[in-house]
C-alpha cells in the first residue's frame, strides 16, 4: 500500500524493512468490545505481550481518513476514549477514507490492511462466520470472503460460539481457507476449549505453523488466509453447561424480540456477558491473550 494512503508507524516500518517479526492486532475490541478504562489497559497489555514474544505489535485503525498500521500511545488512547470512533469492516474502508472518518477495524479490515502492509501474522479473539438460521437470513460474516483472498495467518480461538460452527467450517473449506488446530484435534469454541467439531490438520509448535506458511508461498495459487485455531485453556474457559444454557436463552430472546441483521451478534454477546456475570468476557480475554502470545511466537519462527 502506498504511503499516500497508509501510515506505518516508524517502528513497524523499520521492523518490516529489517524482516523482523510483526504481529497485527485489531482495534474493534478496544473501541467497541470492552468498557472504559479497561479497554485501554487491555490494548496496552496485548501490545506488551507481542513485545515479550520478541515481535513488534501493529495495532490497526483508521484516523481522520487515513489507515494506520501501528499506533503511537496517543493514537491508541484516542481509539479507546473517543465516542465518535466508528466500527469499520473491509467494505467501510473506502467511504471512511473519503469522508475523513476515524474508526476501529474489525477482522476483515485489519486483515486487509495488515496484509497490504506486508504483515504475515494477525492475532484476534474469534472470527465471524455463518449465522444460525442461514437458510432464512443468508447472514454470513464478511470475514470469510475476505480471508479467502487475503494471504495472512490469523491466530484465533475459532469462530464466535453464537454462530453455526459446522456451517462456518464447511464454508471455509468451500472458500479454500486452510484451518490448523493448534495442539488440538477439535476446532475451538471461542469461549470454550472445544466446539466438538474435528479439524483435519493439527500442529503443535510455532515452527510447524511457519512451515505450513512457507509451503503456501511455495505453492502459490489463490492468496487465501491460514487460520490457526488456538483453544482457550480449559481452566480459563467459560463453564460449558452455563454457556449452553445462557446461549439457548439468548437465542430465544433474540427471536422473540425480532432482533435481526447486524444487531444479532452484539445482542447475543451482551446477553452472554450479562447472564454469566462477566465470565464470558473473561474467557474471551483469556483466549485473546493466548492468541497474541502464540502469534508472536509464530512470527518469530518465520
Protein backbone atom coordinates (compact mmCIF):
# COMPACT_ATOMS: atom_id res chain seq x y z
CA UNK A 1 0.00 0.00 0.00
CA UNK A 2 1.43 3.38 -0.90
CA UNK A 3 2.47 5.94 1.70
CA UNK A 4 -0.22 8.30 0.42
CA UNK A 5 -2.98 6.07 1.78
CA UNK A 6 -1.44 4.14 4.68
CA UNK A 7 0.69 5.31 7.57
CA UNK A 8 3.03 2.70 9.02
CA UNK A 9 4.45 3.62 12.40
CA UNK A 10 8.20 4.12 12.35
CA UNK A 11 8.67 1.01 14.48
CA UNK A 12 6.57 -1.19 12.17
CA UNK A 13 8.17 0.23 9.02
CA UNK A 14 11.65 -0.44 10.42
CA UNK A 15 10.77 -3.98 11.54
CA UNK A 16 9.31 -4.89 8.14
CA UNK A 17 12.30 -3.43 6.31
CA UNK A 18 14.66 -5.48 8.51
CA UNK A 19 12.45 -8.60 8.21
CA UNK A 20 11.85 -8.74 11.94
CA UNK A 21 8.63 -10.33 13.30
CA UNK A 22 5.49 -8.18 13.36
CA UNK A 23 2.01 -9.10 14.65
CA UNK A 24 -1.12 -7.21 13.57
CA UNK A 25 -3.83 -6.52 16.17
CA UNK A 26 -7.40 -5.36 15.52
CA UNK A 27 -8.80 -2.26 17.24
CA UNK A 28 -12.54 -3.08 17.46
CA UNK A 29 -12.01 -4.87 20.76
CA UNK A 30 -10.54 -1.61 22.12
CA UNK A 31 -13.20 0.79 20.85
CA UNK A 32 -16.32 -1.38 20.99
CA UNK A 33 -15.57 -4.62 22.82
CA UNK A 34 -14.66 -3.56 26.35
CA UNK A 35 -15.78 -0.99 28.94
CA UNK A 36 -13.58 2.00 29.77
CA UNK A 37 -10.98 2.34 31.16
CA UNK A 38 -10.28 -1.37 30.95
CA UNK A 39 -10.22 -1.24 27.14
CA UNK A 40 -7.07 0.90 27.06
CA UNK A 41 -5.36 -1.25 29.71
CA UNK A 42 -6.11 -4.39 27.65
CA UNK A 43 -4.86 -2.72 24.44
CA UNK A 44 -1.57 -1.87 26.15
CA UNK A 45 -1.35 -5.35 27.68
CA UNK A 46 -1.79 -7.05 24.29
CA UNK A 47 0.92 -4.91 22.70
CA UNK A 48 3.21 -5.75 25.64
CA UNK A 49 2.53 -9.48 25.14
CA UNK A 50 3.60 -9.19 21.50
CA UNK A 51 6.83 -7.47 22.56
CA UNK A 52 7.54 -10.07 25.25
CA UNK A 53 7.27 -12.70 22.50
CA UNK A 54 10.01 -10.97 20.52
CA UNK A 55 7.78 -9.30 17.91
CA UNK A 56 6.60 -5.77 17.11
CA UNK A 57 2.88 -5.00 17.65
CA UNK A 58 0.97 -3.33 14.82
CA UNK A 59 -2.45 -2.28 16.07
CA UNK A 60 -4.53 -1.22 13.06
CA UNK A 61 -7.07 1.62 12.89
CA UNK A 62 -8.27 4.46 10.67
CA UNK A 63 -7.72 8.01 11.97
CA UNK A 64 -9.05 11.08 10.15
CA UNK A 65 -9.44 9.19 6.90
CA UNK A 66 -6.04 7.54 6.95
CA UNK A 67 -5.28 3.88 7.75
CA UNK A 68 -2.65 3.41 10.43
CA UNK A 69 -0.68 0.19 10.87
CA UNK A 70 0.95 0.57 14.26
CA UNK A 71 -0.34 3.20 16.69
CA UNK A 72 1.50 5.67 18.88
CA UNK A 73 0.46 5.98 22.54
CA UNK A 74 -1.81 8.99 21.93
CA UNK A 75 -3.45 7.27 18.95
CA UNK A 76 -4.20 4.13 20.99
CA UNK A 77 -5.71 6.37 23.69
CA UNK A 78 -7.87 8.11 21.10
CA UNK A 79 -9.28 4.80 19.80
CA UNK A 80 -10.06 3.78 23.38
CA UNK A 81 -11.65 7.06 24.50
CA UNK A 82 -13.26 8.82 21.50
CA UNK A 83 -17.03 8.20 21.26
CA UNK A 84 -17.08 9.16 17.58
CA UNK A 85 -14.82 6.23 16.54
CA UNK A 86 -16.81 4.02 14.18
CA UNK A 87 -16.63 0.26 13.61
CA UNK A 88 -15.09 -0.43 10.19
CA UNK A 89 -15.24 -3.64 8.22
CA UNK A 90 -13.38 -4.05 4.94
CA UNK A 91 -16.27 -2.62 2.90
CA UNK A 92 -16.32 0.52 5.08
CA UNK A 93 -12.71 1.50 4.44
CA UNK A 94 -13.22 3.42 1.19
CA UNK A 95 -16.14 5.54 2.50
CA UNK A 96 -14.22 6.20 5.73
CA UNK A 97 -11.14 7.37 3.83
CA UNK A 98 -13.20 9.57 1.53
CA UNK A 99 -15.10 11.13 4.45
CA UNK A 100 -12.02 11.65 6.62
CA UNK A 101 -13.63 9.46 9.30
CA UNK A 102 -11.99 7.62 12.19
CA UNK A 103 -12.76 4.00 13.01
CA UNK A 104 -11.66 0.82 14.72
CA UNK A 105 -11.01 -2.07 12.35
CA UNK A 106 -12.77 -5.45 12.51
CA UNK A 107 -11.17 -8.75 11.50
CA UNK A 108 -11.81 -8.20 7.78
CA UNK A 109 -10.48 -4.63 7.69
CA UNK A 110 -7.48 -5.45 9.87
CA UNK A 111 -6.53 -8.50 7.81
CA UNK A 112 -6.80 -6.48 4.59
CA UNK A 113 -4.72 -3.51 5.78
CA UNK A 114 -2.12 -5.67 7.56
CA UNK A 115 -1.61 -7.94 4.54
CA UNK A 116 -1.29 -4.93 2.23
CA UNK A 117 1.42 -3.58 4.53
CA UNK A 118 3.36 -6.86 4.28
CA UNK A 119 2.48 -8.29 7.71
CA UNK A 120 2.19 -12.08 7.76
CA UNK A 121 0.58 -12.79 11.17
CA UNK A 122 -2.56 -11.38 12.80
CA UNK A 123 -3.97 -12.21 16.26
CA UNK A 124 -7.61 -11.79 17.26
CA UNK A 125 -10.24 -13.37 19.52
CA UNK A 126 -12.81 -15.17 17.40
CA UNK A 127 -13.71 -14.92 13.72
CA UNK A 128 -17.10 -14.12 12.29
CA UNK A 129 -18.83 -16.84 10.32
CA UNK A 130 -22.12 -18.29 9.15
CA UNK A 131 -25.03 -17.28 11.38
CA UNK A 132 -27.59 -19.71 12.74
CA UNK A 133 -30.67 -19.77 10.54
CA UNK A 134 -28.60 -19.01 7.44
CA UNK A 135 -31.14 -20.71 5.17
CA UNK A 136 -33.67 -18.00 6.06
CA UNK A 137 -31.41 -14.95 6.51
CA UNK A 138 -28.35 -15.65 4.28
CA UNK A 139 -26.41 -13.91 7.06
CA UNK A 140 -22.66 -14.55 6.85
CA UNK A 141 -19.74 -12.51 8.14
CA UNK A 142 -17.64 -10.57 5.64
CA UNK A 143 -14.59 -12.09 7.38
CA UNK A 144 -14.92 -15.33 5.42
CA UNK A 145 -14.79 -14.00 1.84
CA UNK A 146 -12.07 -11.50 2.72
CA UNK A 147 -9.91 -14.26 4.20
CA UNK A 148 -10.46 -16.33 1.05
CA UNK A 149 -8.49 -13.74 -0.92
CA UNK A 150 -6.01 -12.39 1.63
CA UNK A 151 -2.68 -14.09 2.37
CA UNK A 152 -2.30 -13.72 6.12
CA UNK A 153 -2.13 -16.15 9.05
CA UNK A 154 -4.88 -15.49 11.60
CA UNK A 155 -4.45 -16.85 15.12
CA UNK A 156 -7.87 -17.09 16.74
CA UNK A 157 -9.94 -19.15 19.19
CA UNK A 158 -12.19 -20.42 16.42
CA UNK A 159 -15.38 -18.59 15.49
CA UNK A 160 -17.79 -16.97 17.92
CA UNK A 161 -19.84 -19.72 19.57
CA UNK A 162 -23.10 -17.87 18.90
CA UNK A 163 -22.63 -18.81 15.22
CA UNK A 164 -23.25 -22.01 13.26
CA UNK A 165 -19.82 -23.60 13.70
CA UNK A 166 -20.24 -26.66 11.42
CA UNK A 167 -21.63 -24.46 8.61
CA UNK A 168 -18.76 -21.99 9.06
CA UNK A 169 -16.16 -24.76 8.79
CA UNK A 170 -17.89 -26.03 5.66
CA UNK A 171 -17.85 -22.52 4.21
CA UNK A 172 -14.13 -22.13 4.96
CA UNK A 173 -13.49 -25.39 3.13
CA UNK A 174 -15.52 -24.21 0.12
CA UNK A 175 -13.59 -20.94 0.06
CA UNK A 176 -10.23 -22.71 0.24
CA UNK A 177 -9.16 -21.23 3.59
CA UNK A 178 -6.78 -23.56 5.46
CA UNK A 179 -7.54 -24.42 9.09
CA UNK A 180 -4.97 -25.80 11.56
CA UNK A 181 -5.84 -26.89 15.09
CA UNK A 182 -3.05 -25.77 17.40
CA UNK A 183 -2.40 -28.60 19.86
CA UNK A 184 -5.95 -29.86 19.36
CA UNK A 185 -7.86 -32.20 17.08
CA UNK A 186 -11.11 -30.32 17.78
CA UNK A 187 -11.99 -26.88 16.47
CA UNK A 188 -12.05 -24.43 19.42
CA UNK A 189 -15.37 -22.94 20.55
CA UNK A 190 -14.28 -19.35 21.30
CA UNK A 191 -15.41 -19.20 24.96
CA UNK A 192 -14.95 -22.98 25.10
CA UNK A 193 -11.81 -25.07 24.51
CA UNK A 194 -13.72 -27.25 22.02
CA UNK A 195 -16.73 -26.83 19.74
CA UNK A 196 -16.84 -30.61 19.30
CA UNK A 197 -16.12 -30.27 15.57
CA UNK A 198 -12.99 -32.03 14.20
CA UNK A 199 -10.13 -30.32 12.38
CA UNK A 200 -8.31 -32.03 9.50
CA UNK A 201 -4.82 -30.86 10.48
CA UNK A 202 -3.17 -30.46 13.87
CA UNK A 203 0.11 -28.64 14.54
CA UNK A 204 1.92 -28.46 17.85
CA UNK A 205 4.70 -25.85 17.52
CA UNK A 206 5.11 -22.36 16.05
CA UNK A 207 7.74 -23.84 13.74
CA UNK A 208 5.18 -26.25 12.27
CA UNK A 209 2.84 -23.32 11.54
CA UNK A 210 5.71 -21.41 9.92
CA UNK A 211 6.45 -24.47 7.74
CA UNK A 212 2.84 -24.51 6.50
CA UNK A 213 3.07 -20.79 5.73
CA UNK A 214 6.28 -21.36 3.76
CA UNK A 215 4.62 -24.19 1.85
CA UNK A 216 1.73 -21.85 0.99
CA UNK A 217 4.23 -19.43 -0.55
CA UNK A 218 5.99 -22.20 -2.45
CA UNK A 219 2.73 -23.49 -3.91
CA UNK A 220 1.49 -20.06 -4.98
CA UNK A 221 -2.08 -20.14 -6.26
CA UNK A 222 -5.01 -18.36 -4.58
CA UNK A 223 -3.99 -15.81 -1.97
CA UNK A 224 -6.06 -17.37 0.83
CA UNK A 225 -5.51 -16.99 4.55
CA UNK A 226 -4.40 -19.65 7.01
CA UNK A 227 -6.37 -19.98 10.24
CA UNK A 228 -4.55 -21.22 13.33
CA UNK A 229 -7.30 -22.27 15.73
CA UNK A 230 -5.85 -21.99 19.24
CA UNK A 231 -8.18 -23.11 22.07
CA UNK A 232 -8.61 -21.13 25.26
CA UNK A 233 -7.07 -23.14 28.15
CA UNK A 234 -9.69 -25.40 29.77
CA UNK A 235 -9.00 -23.81 33.15
CA UNK A 236 -9.96 -20.41 31.72
CA UNK A 237 -12.89 -21.40 29.51
CA UNK A 238 -16.50 -20.50 30.27
CA UNK A 239 -18.33 -23.32 32.02
CA UNK A 240 -19.74 -25.37 29.09
CA UNK A 241 -23.07 -26.13 30.81
CA UNK A 242 -23.58 -22.45 31.69
CA UNK A 243 -22.56 -21.44 28.16
CA UNK A 244 -25.11 -23.74 26.50
CA UNK A 245 -27.89 -22.72 28.87
CA UNK A 246 -27.34 -18.97 28.53
CA UNK A 247 -26.85 -19.16 24.76
CA UNK A 248 -30.15 -21.01 24.36
CA UNK A 249 -31.86 -18.27 26.41
CA UNK A 250 -30.19 -15.55 24.34
CA UNK A 251 -31.22 -17.11 21.02
CA UNK A 252 -34.83 -17.48 22.20
CA UNK A 253 -34.95 -13.86 23.40
CA UNK A 254 -33.37 -12.66 20.17
CA UNK A 255 -36.11 -14.36 18.17
CA UNK A 256 -38.88 -13.14 20.49
CA UNK A 257 -37.72 -9.53 20.15
CA UNK A 258 -37.26 -9.76 16.40
CA UNK A 259 -33.60 -8.76 16.54
CA UNK A 260 -32.09 -9.19 13.06
CA UNK A 261 -29.12 -8.37 10.81
CA UNK A 262 -26.06 -6.68 12.29
CA UNK A 263 -27.83 -6.26 15.64
CA UNK A 264 -27.84 -10.02 16.32
CA UNK A 265 -24.17 -10.52 17.28
CA UNK A 266 -23.88 -7.60 19.77
CA UNK A 267 -27.27 -8.57 21.27
CA UNK A 268 -26.19 -12.18 21.88
CA UNK A 269 -22.73 -11.26 23.20
CA UNK A 270 -24.20 -8.66 25.57
CA UNK A 271 -26.77 -11.20 26.84
CA UNK A 272 -24.00 -13.76 27.44
CA UNK A 273 -21.85 -11.27 29.32
CA UNK A 274 -24.76 -10.10 31.49
CA UNK A 275 -26.16 -13.56 32.28
CA UNK A 276 -22.75 -15.10 33.04
CA UNK A 277 -21.79 -12.25 35.37
CA UNK A 278 -18.94 -11.19 33.09
CA UNK A 279 -17.44 -14.69 32.89
CA UNK A 280 -17.86 -14.78 29.10
CA UNK A 281 -15.82 -11.59 28.78
CA UNK A 282 -13.04 -13.03 30.94
CA UNK A 283 -12.95 -16.20 28.80
CA UNK A 284 -12.80 -14.03 25.68
CA UNK A 285 -9.86 -12.07 27.06
CA UNK A 286 -8.07 -15.27 28.12
CA UNK A 287 -8.43 -16.52 24.55
CA UNK A 288 -7.16 -13.25 23.07
CA UNK A 289 -4.10 -13.24 25.34
CA UNK A 290 -3.25 -16.81 24.36
CA UNK A 291 -3.67 -16.00 20.67
CA UNK A 292 -1.44 -12.93 20.90
CA UNK A 293 1.31 -14.90 22.66
CA UNK A 294 1.15 -17.65 20.04
CA UNK A 295 1.07 -15.18 17.13
CA UNK A 296 4.29 -13.57 18.38
CA UNK A 297 5.97 -16.98 18.54
CA UNK A 298 4.79 -17.86 15.01
CA UNK A 299 6.02 -14.52 13.64
CA UNK A 300 9.39 -15.10 15.32
CA UNK A 301 9.57 -18.65 13.90
CA UNK A 302 9.25 -17.26 10.38
